[in-house]
């Protein structure tokens, strides 16, 4: 039914958004770690 289709669409879009958010968080963490390593390698 239309309700089932809408619920499935919401579930899929939520999964996509969560994945995008997690990818963004992972990228930020890697940048922070990279910056910290660069600072430590100068000492």
N, C-alpha and C. Protein backbone atom coordinates (compact mmCIF):
# COMPACT_ATOMS: atom_id res chain seq x y z
N UNK A 1 0.84 -1.19 0.00
CA UNK A 1 0.00 0.00 0.00
C UNK A 1 0.88 1.25 0.00
N UNK A 2 0.25 2.38 -0.17
CA UNK A 2 0.99 3.65 -0.20
C UNK A 2 1.69 3.91 1.13
N UNK A 3 1.03 3.53 2.22
CA UNK A 3 1.63 3.74 3.53
C UNK A 3 2.89 2.89 3.69
N UNK A 4 2.81 1.64 3.26
CA UNK A 4 3.99 0.77 3.34
C UNK A 4 5.12 1.31 2.48
N UNK A 5 4.78 1.79 1.28
CA UNK A 5 5.80 2.35 0.40
C UNK A 5 6.44 3.59 1.01
N UNK A 6 5.63 4.43 1.63
CA UNK A 6 6.15 5.65 2.27
C UNK A 6 7.06 5.28 3.43
N UNK A 7 6.65 4.30 4.23
CA UNK A 7 7.49 3.88 5.36
C UNK A 7 8.81 3.30 4.88
N UNK A 8 8.77 2.53 3.81
CA UNK A 8 10.00 1.95 3.25
C UNK A 8 10.91 3.06 2.72
N UNK A 9 10.32 4.05 2.06
CA UNK A 9 11.10 5.17 1.54
C UNK A 9 11.76 5.94 2.68
N UNK A 10 11.00 6.20 3.74
CA UNK A 10 11.56 6.91 4.90
C UNK A 10 12.71 6.11 5.50
N UNK A 11 12.54 4.81 5.61
CA UNK A 11 13.59 3.96 6.18
C UNK A 11 14.85 4.03 5.31
N UNK A 12 14.68 3.95 4.00
CA UNK A 12 15.83 3.99 3.10
C UNK A 12 16.52 5.35 3.13
N UNK A 13 15.73 6.43 3.14
CA UNK A 13 16.33 7.76 3.18
C UNK A 13 17.05 8.00 4.50
N UNK A 14 16.48 7.50 5.58
CA UNK A 14 17.13 7.63 6.89
C UNK A 14 18.47 6.90 6.89
N UNK A 15 18.50 5.73 6.29
CA UNK A 15 19.75 4.96 6.21
C UNK A 15 20.79 5.73 5.40
N UNK A 16 20.37 6.32 4.29
CA UNK A 16 21.29 7.10 3.46
C UNK A 16 21.82 8.31 4.23
N UNK A 17 20.93 9.00 4.93
CA UNK A 17 21.36 10.17 5.71
C UNK A 17 22.31 9.77 6.83
N UNK A 18 22.02 8.69 7.50
CA UNK A 18 22.91 8.23 8.58
C UNK A 18 24.28 7.87 8.04
N UNK A 19 24.31 7.23 6.87
CA UNK A 19 25.60 6.87 6.26
C UNK A 19 26.39 8.12 5.89
N UNK A 20 25.70 9.10 5.32
CA UNK A 20 26.38 10.35 4.95
C UNK A 20 26.92 11.06 6.18
N UNK A 21 26.14 11.08 7.25
CA UNK A 21 26.58 11.72 8.49
C UNK A 21 27.79 10.99 9.07
N UNK A 22 27.75 9.66 9.04
CA UNK A 22 28.87 8.88 9.57
C UNK A 22 30.13 9.10 8.74
N UNK A 23 29.97 9.16 7.42
CA UNK A 23 31.12 9.43 6.55
C UNK A 23 31.74 10.79 6.88
N UNK A 24 30.88 11.77 7.13
CA UNK A 24 31.36 13.11 7.47
C UNK A 24 32.12 13.10 8.79
N UNK A 25 31.58 12.40 9.77
CA UNK A 25 32.23 12.30 11.08
C UNK A 25 33.58 11.60 10.94
N UNK A 26 33.62 10.52 10.18
CA UNK A 26 34.86 9.78 9.98
C UNK A 26 35.92 10.67 9.33
N UNK A 27 35.51 11.45 8.33
CA UNK A 27 36.44 12.35 7.66
C UNK A 27 37.00 13.39 8.63
N UNK A 28 36.13 13.95 9.46
CA UNK A 28 36.59 14.93 10.45
C UNK A 28 37.59 14.31 11.42
N UNK A 29 37.30 13.12 11.89
CA UNK A 29 38.20 12.45 12.83
C UNK A 29 39.56 12.21 12.18
N UNK A 30 39.54 11.77 10.93
CA UNK A 30 40.80 11.51 10.23
C UNK A 30 41.61 12.80 10.06
N UNK A 31 40.92 13.92 9.80
CA UNK A 31 41.62 15.20 9.67
C UNK A 31 42.24 15.62 11.00
N UNK A 32 41.50 15.41 12.08
CA UNK A 32 42.02 15.76 13.41
C UNK A 32 43.23 14.90 13.75
N UNK A 33 43.12 13.60 13.51
CA UNK A 33 44.23 12.69 13.79
C UNK A 33 45.43 13.05 12.92
N UNK A 34 45.19 13.34 11.65
CA UNK A 34 46.28 13.72 10.76
C UNK A 34 46.97 14.98 11.23
N UNK A 35 46.19 15.97 11.67
CA UNK A 35 46.78 17.21 12.18
C UNK A 35 47.59 16.97 13.44
N UNK A 36 47.08 16.14 14.33
CA UNK A 36 47.80 15.83 15.57
C UNK A 36 49.10 15.10 15.26
N UNK A 37 49.05 14.18 14.32
CA UNK A 37 50.27 13.45 13.95
C UNK A 37 51.29 14.40 13.33
N UNK A 38 50.82 15.33 12.51
CA UNK A 38 51.74 16.29 11.89
C UNK A 38 52.38 17.17 12.95
N UNK A 39 51.61 17.58 13.94
CA UNK A 39 52.17 18.40 15.03
C UNK A 39 53.18 17.61 15.84
N UNK A 40 52.90 16.36 16.11
CA UNK A 40 53.81 15.53 16.91
C UNK A 40 55.08 15.19 16.14
N UNK A 41 54.99 15.05 14.83
CA UNK A 41 56.17 14.67 14.06
C UNK A 41 57.17 15.83 13.99
N UNK A 42 56.71 17.04 14.25
CA UNK A 42 57.61 18.20 14.24
C UNK A 42 58.42 18.33 15.50
N UNK A 43 58.08 17.58 16.51
CA UNK A 43 58.80 17.69 17.80
C UNK A 43 59.99 16.78 17.86
